[in-house]
Amino acid sequence: MSRARRNVRLWDFPERSTGRIDEFAHHNRGPSMKSDAIAAKNARIVSAVAQVRGRAQTSGGAVVVETDAYGTITDLRISPAAMTVDGSRLAKAISQCHQTARDQANAEANRVYAELMDVPVPPEQTATPGTPEWEEPAPVRITHVV
């Protein structure tokens, strides 16, 4: 079952953000706003988005994944018990946690960007219950048997 979710990253389009900042400058202070102010606003946006993190873990906490706004894993913790399970189950747990953490980070980055740019946050794309996109895959449980 494939996820049909599309992440919208407002902050990932520099040409859009520059245009928005130019519009902001022209609207709020007229055409005399200096390029230094535009650069400073861009720097604040880049800095704020760079600090965003998403975090997800398996139900028992055996696997914990943290990502930045771009989906890069910034922290990965795997308990000793999780290391003893079948490799494919562990890989699936890591993959599911990574996807969840990426989605969280993306949503937060969009919120931060929209707040700094004073634009509305696009609504979350939600599917109708009962459709394959809505049904989350069953979480992978990692248990350790002694």
N, C-alpha and C. Protein backbone atom coordinates (compact mmCIF):
# COMPACT_ATOMS: atom_id res chain seq x y z
N MET A 1 0.85 -1.16 0.00
CA MET A 1 0.00 0.00 0.00
C MET A 1 0.90 1.23 0.00
N SER A 2 0.70 2.08 -0.93
CA SER A 2 1.53 3.27 -1.09
C SER A 2 0.85 4.48 -0.47
N ARG A 3 1.61 5.31 0.13
CA ARG A 3 1.06 6.54 0.69
C ARG A 3 0.97 7.57 -0.42
N ALA A 4 -0.18 8.19 -0.54
CA ALA A 4 -0.38 9.19 -1.58
C ALA A 4 -0.33 10.58 -0.98
N ARG A 5 0.51 10.77 -0.03
CA ARG A 5 0.63 12.05 0.66
C ARG A 5 1.69 12.89 -0.05
N ARG A 6 1.39 14.15 -0.25
CA ARG A 6 2.34 15.05 -0.89
C ARG A 6 2.68 16.15 0.10
N ASN A 7 3.95 16.27 0.40
CA ASN A 7 4.38 17.31 1.31
C ASN A 7 4.50 18.63 0.57
N VAL A 8 3.92 19.65 1.13
CA VAL A 8 4.02 20.99 0.59
C VAL A 8 5.02 21.74 1.44
N ARG A 9 6.09 22.20 0.82
CA ARG A 9 7.11 22.91 1.56
C ARG A 9 7.17 24.34 1.06
N LEU A 10 6.45 25.22 1.75
CA LEU A 10 6.43 26.63 1.38
C LEU A 10 7.82 27.23 1.40
N TRP A 11 8.60 26.87 2.38
CA TRP A 11 9.90 27.47 2.64
C TRP A 11 10.99 26.95 1.73
N ASP A 12 10.67 26.01 0.85
CA ASP A 12 11.67 25.37 0.02
C ASP A 12 11.81 26.01 -1.35
N PHE A 13 11.19 27.15 -1.56
CA PHE A 13 11.24 27.80 -2.86
C PHE A 13 11.81 29.20 -2.69
N PRO A 14 13.15 29.34 -2.77
CA PRO A 14 13.76 30.64 -2.52
C PRO A 14 13.21 31.73 -3.43
N GLU A 15 12.92 31.39 -4.69
CA GLU A 15 12.41 32.43 -5.58
C GLU A 15 11.04 32.92 -5.12
N ARG A 16 10.25 32.03 -4.54
CA ARG A 16 8.96 32.45 -4.01
C ARG A 16 9.15 33.31 -2.77
N SER A 17 10.05 32.88 -1.88
CA SER A 17 10.20 33.64 -0.65
C SER A 17 10.77 35.01 -0.94
N THR A 18 11.71 35.11 -1.87
CA THR A 18 12.26 36.42 -2.21
C THR A 18 11.17 37.31 -2.77
N GLY A 19 10.33 36.75 -3.64
CA GLY A 19 9.22 37.52 -4.19
C GLY A 19 8.29 37.98 -3.09
N ARG A 20 8.00 37.11 -2.14
CA ARG A 20 7.12 37.47 -1.02
C ARG A 20 7.75 38.57 -0.19
N ILE A 21 9.05 38.46 0.04
CA ILE A 21 9.72 39.48 0.83
C ILE A 21 9.70 40.81 0.08
N ASP A 22 9.94 40.77 -1.24
CA ASP A 22 9.87 41.99 -2.03
C ASP A 22 8.48 42.59 -1.96
N GLU A 23 7.44 41.73 -2.05
CA GLU A 23 6.07 42.22 -1.94
C GLU A 23 5.85 42.83 -0.56
N PHE A 24 6.37 42.16 0.47
CA PHE A 24 6.24 42.65 1.83
C PHE A 24 6.88 44.03 1.95
N ALA A 25 8.09 44.15 1.41
CA ALA A 25 8.82 45.41 1.49
C ALA A 25 8.06 46.52 0.78
N HIS A 26 7.60 46.25 -0.41
CA HIS A 26 6.91 47.27 -1.19
C HIS A 26 5.59 47.67 -0.52
N HIS A 27 4.88 46.70 -0.03
CA HIS A 27 3.58 46.96 0.58
C HIS A 27 3.71 47.71 1.91
N ASN A 28 4.65 47.28 2.74
CA ASN A 28 4.73 47.83 4.09
C ASN A 28 5.61 49.07 4.23
N ARG A 29 6.60 49.20 3.40
CA ARG A 29 7.50 50.34 3.58
C ARG A 29 7.79 51.07 2.27
N GLY A 30 7.15 50.66 1.24
CA GLY A 30 7.39 51.30 -0.04
C GLY A 30 8.65 50.77 -0.69
N PRO A 31 8.94 51.23 -1.87
CA PRO A 31 10.08 50.69 -2.62
C PRO A 31 11.43 51.06 -2.03
N SER A 32 11.47 51.88 -0.98
CA SER A 32 12.75 52.31 -0.43
C SER A 32 13.38 51.32 0.55
N MET A 33 12.69 50.23 0.81
CA MET A 33 13.25 49.25 1.75
C MET A 33 14.55 48.70 1.20
N LYS A 34 15.57 48.71 1.99
CA LYS A 34 16.91 48.31 1.56
C LYS A 34 17.01 46.81 1.38
N SER A 35 17.92 46.42 0.51
CA SER A 35 18.15 45.00 0.29
C SER A 35 18.72 44.33 1.54
N ASP A 36 19.36 45.12 2.42
CA ASP A 36 19.86 44.57 3.68
C ASP A 36 18.71 44.05 4.54
N ALA A 37 17.61 44.76 4.54
CA ALA A 37 16.46 44.32 5.32
C ALA A 37 15.88 43.03 4.74
N ILE A 38 15.87 42.95 3.41
CA ILE A 38 15.39 41.72 2.76
C ILE A 38 16.31 40.56 3.10
N ALA A 39 17.61 40.80 3.04
CA ALA A 39 18.58 39.76 3.38
C ALA A 39 18.44 39.33 4.83
N ALA A 40 18.21 40.29 5.71
CA ALA A 40 18.04 39.97 7.14
C ALA A 40 16.80 39.12 7.36
N LYS A 41 15.71 39.45 6.68
CA LYS A 41 14.49 38.66 6.82
C LYS A 41 14.70 37.25 6.28
N ASN A 42 15.37 37.15 5.13
CA ASN A 42 15.70 35.83 4.58
C ASN A 42 16.54 35.03 5.57
N ALA A 43 17.52 35.67 6.18
CA ALA A 43 18.38 34.98 7.15
C ALA A 43 17.57 34.49 8.34
N ARG A 44 16.61 35.30 8.82
CA ARG A 44 15.76 34.87 9.95
C ARG A 44 14.93 33.65 9.55
N ILE A 45 14.41 33.66 8.34
CA ILE A 45 13.59 32.52 7.87
C ILE A 45 14.45 31.27 7.78
N VAL A 46 15.62 31.40 7.15
CA VAL A 46 16.51 30.24 6.99
C VAL A 46 16.92 29.70 8.35
N SER A 47 17.24 30.59 9.28
CA SER A 47 17.64 30.17 10.62
C SER A 47 16.50 29.47 11.35
N ALA A 48 15.30 30.02 11.25
CA ALA A 48 14.15 29.42 11.94
C ALA A 48 13.82 28.05 11.37
N VAL A 49 13.84 27.91 10.06
CA VAL A 49 13.53 26.61 9.43
C VAL A 49 14.63 25.60 9.75
N ALA A 50 15.88 26.06 9.83
CA ALA A 50 16.99 25.15 10.14
C ALA A 50 16.87 24.56 11.55
N GLN A 51 16.17 25.23 12.45
CA GLN A 51 16.02 24.75 13.81
C GLN A 51 14.86 23.76 13.98
N VAL A 52 14.02 23.64 12.97
CA VAL A 52 12.85 22.76 13.05
C VAL A 52 13.29 21.30 13.09
N ARG A 53 12.62 20.53 13.93
CA ARG A 53 12.88 19.08 14.02
C ARG A 53 11.54 18.36 14.14
N GLY A 54 11.52 17.15 13.59
CA GLY A 54 10.39 16.24 13.75
C GLY A 54 10.91 15.00 14.47
N ARG A 55 10.08 14.39 15.28
CA ARG A 55 10.54 13.23 16.06
C ARG A 55 9.44 12.18 16.10
N ALA A 56 9.83 10.93 15.92
CA ALA A 56 8.88 9.82 16.00
C ALA A 56 9.59 8.62 16.61
N GLN A 57 8.79 7.77 17.24
CA GLN A 57 9.36 6.56 17.84
C GLN A 57 8.36 5.42 17.75
N THR A 58 8.87 4.21 17.88
CA THR A 58 7.99 3.05 17.92
C THR A 58 7.24 3.08 19.24
N SER A 59 6.19 2.29 19.34
CA SER A 59 5.33 2.35 20.53
C SER A 59 6.09 2.08 21.82
N GLY A 60 7.07 1.23 21.78
CA GLY A 60 7.83 0.94 23.00
C GLY A 60 9.08 1.79 23.13
N GLY A 61 9.35 2.64 22.16
CA GLY A 61 10.54 3.49 22.21
C GLY A 61 11.82 2.79 21.81
N ALA A 62 11.71 1.61 21.20
CA ALA A 62 12.91 0.88 20.81
C ALA A 62 13.65 1.57 19.67
N VAL A 63 12.92 2.29 18.82
CA VAL A 63 13.52 3.05 17.73
C VAL A 63 13.01 4.48 17.83
N VAL A 64 13.93 5.44 17.78
CA VAL A 64 13.58 6.86 17.82
C VAL A 64 14.31 7.53 16.66
N VAL A 65 13.55 8.27 15.85
CA VAL A 65 14.13 8.98 14.70
C VAL A 65 13.78 10.46 14.82
N GLU A 66 14.79 11.30 14.59
CA GLU A 66 14.59 12.75 14.55
C GLU A 66 15.11 13.24 13.21
N THR A 67 14.34 14.14 12.56
CA THR A 67 14.77 14.69 11.28
C THR A 67 14.73 16.22 11.31
N ASP A 68 15.44 16.82 10.36
CA ASP A 68 15.34 18.26 10.20
C ASP A 68 14.23 18.55 9.19
N ALA A 69 14.05 19.81 8.85
CA ALA A 69 12.96 20.20 7.96
C ALA A 69 13.10 19.63 6.55
N TYR A 70 14.30 19.24 6.17
CA TYR A 70 14.52 18.68 4.84
C TYR A 70 14.39 17.16 4.81
N GLY A 71 14.12 16.56 5.96
CA GLY A 71 13.94 15.11 6.03
C GLY A 71 15.21 14.34 6.35
N THR A 72 16.31 15.04 6.56
CA THR A 72 17.57 14.39 6.89
C THR A 72 17.52 13.92 8.34
N ILE A 73 17.92 12.69 8.57
CA ILE A 73 17.93 12.16 9.94
C ILE A 73 19.03 12.86 10.73
N THR A 74 18.64 13.48 11.84
CA THR A 74 19.60 14.18 12.69
C THR A 74 19.90 13.39 13.96
N ASP A 75 19.05 12.43 14.30
CA ASP A 75 19.28 11.58 15.46
C ASP A 75 18.55 10.26 15.23
N LEU A 76 19.24 9.18 15.48
CA LEU A 76 18.66 7.84 15.35
C LEU A 76 19.11 7.02 16.54
N ARG A 77 18.12 6.53 17.30
CA ARG A 77 18.42 5.70 18.47
C ARG A 77 17.75 4.35 18.30
N ILE A 78 18.54 3.32 18.46
CA ILE A 78 18.03 1.95 18.35
C ILE A 78 18.45 1.22 19.62
N SER A 79 17.47 0.71 20.33
CA SER A 79 17.77 0.04 21.60
C SER A 79 18.46 -1.31 21.33
N PRO A 80 19.19 -1.81 22.30
CA PRO A 80 19.82 -3.13 22.14
C PRO A 80 18.79 -4.23 21.84
N ALA A 81 17.61 -4.12 22.42
CA ALA A 81 16.57 -5.12 22.16
C ALA A 81 16.14 -5.09 20.70
N ALA A 82 16.05 -3.90 20.13
CA ALA A 82 15.64 -3.77 18.73
C ALA A 82 16.68 -4.37 17.79
N MET A 83 17.92 -4.36 18.21
CA MET A 83 19.00 -4.90 17.37
C MET A 83 18.93 -6.42 17.25
N THR A 84 18.14 -7.06 18.10
CA THR A 84 18.07 -8.52 18.06
C THR A 84 16.93 -9.04 17.18
N VAL A 85 16.04 -8.15 16.71
CA VAL A 85 14.92 -8.60 15.89
C VAL A 85 15.35 -8.77 14.44
N ASP A 86 14.49 -9.39 13.66
CA ASP A 86 14.75 -9.59 12.23
C ASP A 86 15.05 -8.24 11.57
N GLY A 87 16.05 -8.23 10.72
CA GLY A 87 16.49 -7.00 10.07
C GLY A 87 15.40 -6.30 9.27
N SER A 88 14.53 -7.05 8.61
CA SER A 88 13.48 -6.42 7.81
C SER A 88 12.46 -5.72 8.71
N ARG A 89 12.18 -6.29 9.88
CA ARG A 89 11.25 -5.63 10.82
C ARG A 89 11.87 -4.35 11.37
N LEU A 90 13.16 -4.40 11.68
CA LEU A 90 13.83 -3.21 12.18
C LEU A 90 13.87 -2.13 11.10
N ALA A 91 14.17 -2.51 9.87
CA ALA A 91 14.20 -1.55 8.76
C ALA A 91 12.84 -0.90 8.56
N LYS A 92 11.78 -1.70 8.65
CA LYS A 92 10.43 -1.16 8.48
C LYS A 92 10.09 -0.18 9.61
N ALA A 93 10.49 -0.49 10.83
CA ALA A 93 10.24 0.40 11.96
C ALA A 93 10.98 1.72 11.78
N ILE A 94 12.23 1.65 11.36
CA ILE A 94 13.02 2.86 11.13
C ILE A 94 12.39 3.69 10.02
N SER A 95 11.99 3.03 8.95
CA SER A 95 11.38 3.72 7.80
C SER A 95 10.08 4.42 8.20
N GLN A 96 9.23 3.74 8.96
CA GLN A 96 7.97 4.34 9.39
C GLN A 96 8.21 5.53 10.32
N CYS A 97 9.14 5.39 11.24
CA CYS A 97 9.46 6.50 12.14
C CYS A 97 10.05 7.67 11.36
N HIS A 98 10.89 7.37 10.37
CA HIS A 98 11.48 8.43 9.56
C HIS A 98 10.40 9.20 8.81
N GLN A 99 9.45 8.51 8.21
CA GLN A 99 8.37 9.17 7.47
C GLN A 99 7.54 10.06 8.40
N THR A 100 7.20 9.54 9.56
CA THR A 100 6.40 10.31 10.52
C THR A 100 7.16 11.56 10.98
N ALA A 101 8.43 11.40 11.29
CA ALA A 101 9.25 12.53 11.73
C ALA A 101 9.39 13.57 10.61
N ARG A 102 9.57 13.11 9.38
CA ARG A 102 9.66 14.04 8.23
C ARG A 102 8.37 14.83 8.08
N ASP A 103 7.24 14.14 8.19
CA ASP A 103 5.94 14.82 8.06
C ASP A 103 5.77 15.88 9.15
N GLN A 104 6.15 15.54 10.39
CA GLN A 104 6.05 16.50 11.49
C GLN A 104 6.94 17.71 11.25
N ALA A 105 8.17 17.46 10.84
CA ALA A 105 9.12 18.56 10.60
C ALA A 105 8.64 19.44 9.46
N ASN A 106 8.12 18.83 8.41
CA ASN A 106 7.63 19.59 7.26
C ASN A 106 6.45 20.48 7.67
N ALA A 107 5.53 19.94 8.43
CA ALA A 107 4.37 20.72 8.87
C ALA A 107 4.82 21.89 9.76
N GLU A 108 5.76 21.64 10.64
CA GLU A 108 6.25 22.70 11.52
C GLU A 108 7.02 23.76 10.73
N ALA A 109 7.83 23.35 9.76
CA ALA A 109 8.57 24.31 8.94
C ALA A 109 7.60 25.18 8.15
N ASN A 110 6.54 24.58 7.61
CA ASN A 110 5.53 25.38 6.91
C ASN A 110 4.87 26.39 7.85
N ARG A 111 4.58 25.97 9.08
CA ARG A 111 3.97 26.86 10.04
C ARG A 111 4.91 28.03 10.37
N VAL A 112 6.18 27.72 10.62
CA VAL A 112 7.16 28.75 10.95
C VAL A 112 7.32 29.72 9.79
N TYR A 113 7.45 29.20 8.59
CA TYR A 113 7.60 30.04 7.40
C TYR A 113 6.39 30.95 7.22
N ALA A 114 5.22 30.37 7.32
CA ALA A 114 3.99 31.16 7.13
C ALA A 114 3.89 32.26 8.19
N GLU A 115 4.27 31.93 9.41
CA GLU A 115 4.23 32.93 10.49
C GLU A 115 5.20 34.07 10.20
N LEU A 116 6.41 33.75 9.79
CA LEU A 116 7.40 34.79 9.51
C LEU A 116 7.08 35.61 8.27
N MET A 117 6.42 34.98 7.31
CA MET A 117 6.06 35.68 6.07
C MET A 117 4.67 36.31 6.15
N ASP A 118 3.96 36.03 7.22
CA ASP A 118 2.60 36.53 7.40
C ASP A 118 1.69 36.11 6.24
N VAL A 119 1.78 34.81 5.92
CA VAL A 119 0.91 34.21 4.91
C VAL A 119 0.15 33.06 5.56
N PRO A 120 -1.00 32.68 5.02
CA PRO A 120 -1.74 31.57 5.62
C PRO A 120 -1.03 30.24 5.38
N VAL A 121 -1.13 29.38 6.37
CA VAL A 121 -0.59 28.02 6.24
C VAL A 121 -1.56 27.22 5.40
N PRO A 122 -1.07 26.49 4.38
CA PRO A 122 -2.00 25.67 3.60
C PRO A 122 -2.61 24.60 4.48
N PRO A 123 -3.88 24.27 4.26
CA PRO A 123 -4.50 23.24 5.10
C PRO A 123 -3.81 21.90 4.89
N GLU A 124 -3.78 21.14 5.97
CA GLU A 124 -3.21 19.79 5.88
C GLU A 124 -4.03 18.99 4.88
N GLN A 125 -3.35 18.23 4.07
CA GLN A 125 -4.06 17.40 3.12
C GLN A 125 -4.54 16.14 3.82
N THR A 126 -5.81 16.08 4.05
CA THR A 126 -6.38 14.94 4.75
C THR A 126 -7.21 14.13 3.78
N ALA A 127 -7.14 12.85 3.90
CA ALA A 127 -7.91 11.96 3.03
C ALA A 127 -9.19 11.54 3.76
N THR A 128 -10.11 11.06 3.01
CA THR A 128 -11.36 10.59 3.58
C THR A 128 -11.14 9.25 4.27
N PRO A 129 -11.67 9.07 5.49
CA PRO A 129 -11.50 7.78 6.17
C PRO A 129 -12.01 6.64 5.28
N GLY A 130 -11.26 5.56 5.31
CA GLY A 130 -11.63 4.39 4.52
C GLY A 130 -10.88 4.30 3.21
N THR A 131 -10.19 5.38 2.82
CA THR A 131 -9.40 5.33 1.59
C THR A 131 -8.00 4.85 1.94
N PRO A 132 -7.30 4.24 0.98
CA PRO A 132 -5.96 3.73 1.28
C PRO A 132 -5.00 4.80 1.79
N GLU A 133 -5.12 6.06 1.34
CA GLU A 133 -4.20 7.10 1.80
C GLU A 133 -4.40 7.40 3.28
N TRP A 134 -5.64 7.22 3.76
CA TRP A 134 -5.94 7.56 5.13
C TRP A 134 -5.48 6.48 6.09
N GLU A 135 -5.52 5.27 5.67
CA GLU A 135 -5.19 4.16 6.55
C GLU A 135 -3.68 4.09 6.75
N GLU A 136 -3.26 4.33 7.97
CA GLU A 136 -1.85 4.24 8.29
C GLU A 136 -1.46 2.76 8.35
N PRO A 137 -0.26 2.45 7.92
CA PRO A 137 0.17 1.06 8.06
C PRO A 137 0.25 0.72 9.54
N ALA A 138 0.02 -0.53 9.84
CA ALA A 138 0.08 -0.97 11.23
C ALA A 138 1.49 -0.69 11.76
N PRO A 139 1.60 -0.11 12.95
CA PRO A 139 2.92 0.16 13.49
C PRO A 139 3.68 -1.14 13.71
N VAL A 140 4.94 -1.09 13.46
CA VAL A 140 5.78 -2.27 13.66
C VAL A 140 6.16 -2.32 15.13
N ARG A 141 5.79 -3.40 15.77
CA ARG A 141 6.12 -3.58 17.17
C ARG A 141 7.42 -4.35 17.25
N ILE A 142 8.32 -3.82 18.02
CA ILE A 142 9.60 -4.52 18.22
C ILE A 142 9.59 -5.02 19.65
N THR A 143 9.64 -6.32 19.77
CA THR A 143 9.65 -6.92 21.09
C THR A 143 10.88 -7.81 21.22
N HIS A 144 11.33 -7.96 22.39
CA HIS A 144 12.49 -8.78 22.68
C HIS A 144 12.06 -9.99 23.49
N VAL A 145 12.35 -11.16 22.98
CA VAL A 145 11.99 -12.38 23.68
C VAL A 145 13.26 -12.97 24.28
N VAL A 146 13.17 -13.29 25.56
CA VAL A 146 14.35 -13.84 26.25
C VAL A 146 14.29 -15.34 26.24
